[in-house]
Amino acid sequence: ASGAASGTLKFSSNATNSPAVEAVSGTGATTQLHNVTLSWKPASSGATGYSVYRSTVSGGLYTKVNPVLNSSSTYVDNSVSGGKTYYYVTTAVFSSGESKYSNQAAAAVPGP
């Protein structure tokens, strides 16, 4: 979680001024970032690049996640959230068009 928080700490002991109370406050942001790294066997020949598609439902409606044609057979998806499972397929793009979807791969991202 991120945002502002405040509270008090109470320190108890056998001292004469016990318990001592201290106010605390602060702000913070989540620093744990998640990503999914994909790699696949390149097309045999003639591919100008690859498109990567993602869904949160197995076999579901896929949405293209790489805005620019990917020239290599690896891709890092930095727009994932912790605690979710993502399903990926890729296509090879040729001058004559785009291939069918690859086999689906699943990635379970650990929770925050």
Protein backbone atom coordinates (compact mmCIF):
# COMPACT_ATOMS: atom_id res chain seq x y z
CA ALA A 1 0.00 0.00 0.00
CA SER A 2 1.07 3.57 -0.38
CA GLY A 3 0.02 6.95 1.04
CA ALA A 4 0.08 8.77 4.35
CA ALA A 5 -0.20 7.12 7.74
CA SER A 6 0.05 8.20 11.36
CA GLY A 7 -0.17 6.61 14.77
CA THR A 8 1.35 6.41 18.21
CA LEU A 9 3.88 4.11 19.79
CA LYS A 10 3.62 3.29 23.48
CA PHE A 11 6.80 2.19 25.26
CA SER A 12 6.22 0.49 28.60
CA SER A 13 8.95 -0.31 31.11
CA ASN A 14 9.68 -0.15 34.82
CA ALA A 15 10.97 3.45 34.47
CA THR A 16 9.27 6.22 36.46
CA ASN A 17 8.03 7.96 33.29
CA SER A 18 6.51 4.76 31.84
CA PRO A 19 4.65 4.48 29.61
CA ALA A 20 6.24 6.87 27.13
CA VAL A 21 4.11 7.74 24.09
CA GLU A 22 5.57 8.93 20.79
CA ALA A 23 3.58 10.18 17.81
CA VAL A 24 4.72 8.94 14.41
CA SER A 25 3.67 9.82 10.88
CA GLY A 26 4.96 9.43 7.38
CA THR A 27 4.24 8.79 3.76
CA GLY A 28 5.41 6.02 1.54
CA ALA A 29 4.97 4.25 -1.73
CA THR A 30 5.04 0.66 -2.78
CA THR A 31 8.49 -0.11 -4.05
CA GLN A 32 7.98 -3.70 -5.11
CA LEU A 33 7.68 -3.72 -8.88
CA HIS A 34 6.68 -6.77 -10.85
CA ASN A 35 7.41 -7.88 -14.38
CA VAL A 36 7.08 -10.96 -16.55
CA THR A 37 9.90 -11.93 -18.91
CA LEU A 38 8.86 -13.95 -21.93
CA SER A 39 11.04 -15.73 -24.45
CA TRP A 40 10.17 -17.98 -27.35
CA LYS A 41 11.68 -19.85 -30.25
CA PRO A 42 12.02 -17.45 -33.20
CA ALA A 43 10.13 -18.07 -36.43
CA SER A 44 12.10 -20.21 -38.86
CA SER A 45 12.69 -17.32 -41.28
CA GLY A 46 11.25 -14.18 -42.76
CA ALA A 47 9.61 -12.70 -39.66
CA THR A 48 9.94 -8.93 -39.43
CA GLY A 49 9.04 -9.03 -35.73
CA TYR A 50 6.68 -10.31 -33.08
CA SER A 51 3.53 -9.16 -31.33
CA VAL A 52 2.80 -10.09 -27.71
CA TYR A 53 -0.76 -10.47 -26.43
CA ARG A 54 -1.99 -10.84 -22.84
CA SER A 55 -5.18 -11.83 -21.04
CA THR A 56 -6.20 -12.35 -17.42
CA VAL A 57 -8.42 -15.26 -18.49
CA SER A 58 -7.03 -18.52 -19.81
CA GLY A 59 -7.85 -18.72 -23.51
CA GLY A 60 -9.58 -15.38 -23.14
CA LEU A 61 -9.68 -12.25 -25.20
CA TYR A 62 -6.08 -11.20 -25.68
CA THR A 63 -4.92 -7.59 -25.84
CA LYS A 64 -1.71 -6.57 -27.59
CA VAL A 65 0.80 -5.32 -25.01
CA ASN A 66 3.78 -4.28 -27.12
CA PRO A 67 3.03 -0.96 -28.83
CA VAL A 68 5.90 -1.40 -31.31
CA LEU A 69 6.70 -4.58 -33.18
CA ASN A 70 9.20 -6.58 -31.13
CA SER A 71 12.33 -7.38 -33.15
CA SER A 72 13.67 -10.06 -30.79
CA SER A 73 12.18 -13.26 -29.40
CA THR A 74 12.05 -11.91 -25.83
CA TYR A 75 9.78 -9.39 -24.17
CA VAL A 76 9.53 -7.93 -20.66
CA ASP A 77 6.03 -6.96 -19.54
CA ASN A 78 6.42 -4.26 -16.89
CA SER A 79 2.71 -3.52 -16.59
CA VAL A 80 1.66 -6.44 -14.39
CA SER A 81 0.26 -6.39 -10.86
CA GLY A 82 1.13 -8.66 -7.98
CA GLY A 83 -1.26 -11.43 -7.04
CA LYS A 84 -2.58 -12.01 -10.57
CA THR A 85 -2.07 -14.65 -13.23
CA TYR A 86 -1.52 -13.54 -16.81
CA TYR A 87 -1.84 -15.56 -20.00
CA TYR A 88 0.31 -14.75 -23.02
CA VAL A 89 0.43 -15.64 -26.69
CA THR A 90 2.68 -14.28 -29.42
CA THR A 91 2.48 -13.96 -33.18
CA ALA A 92 5.16 -13.68 -35.82
CA VAL A 93 4.66 -10.82 -38.25
CA PHE A 94 5.68 -11.31 -41.88
CA SER A 95 5.47 -8.99 -44.87
CA SER A 96 2.46 -11.11 -45.94
CA GLY A 97 0.66 -10.80 -42.58
CA GLU A 98 0.53 -12.13 -39.04
CA SER A 99 0.73 -15.77 -37.94
CA LYS A 100 -1.80 -17.52 -35.74
CA TYR A 101 -1.39 -17.28 -31.97
CA SER A 102 1.36 -19.36 -30.39
CA ASN A 103 0.61 -21.79 -27.62
CA GLN A 104 -0.49 -20.01 -24.47
CA ALA A 105 1.95 -19.43 -21.60
CA ALA A 106 0.82 -18.58 -18.05
CA ALA A 107 2.66 -16.41 -15.52
CA ALA A 108 1.56 -16.20 -11.88
CA VAL A 109 2.88 -12.95 -10.40
CA PRO A 110 3.51 -13.10 -6.62
CA GLY A 111 1.38 -10.92 -4.40
CA PRO A 112 2.52 -7.53 -3.15
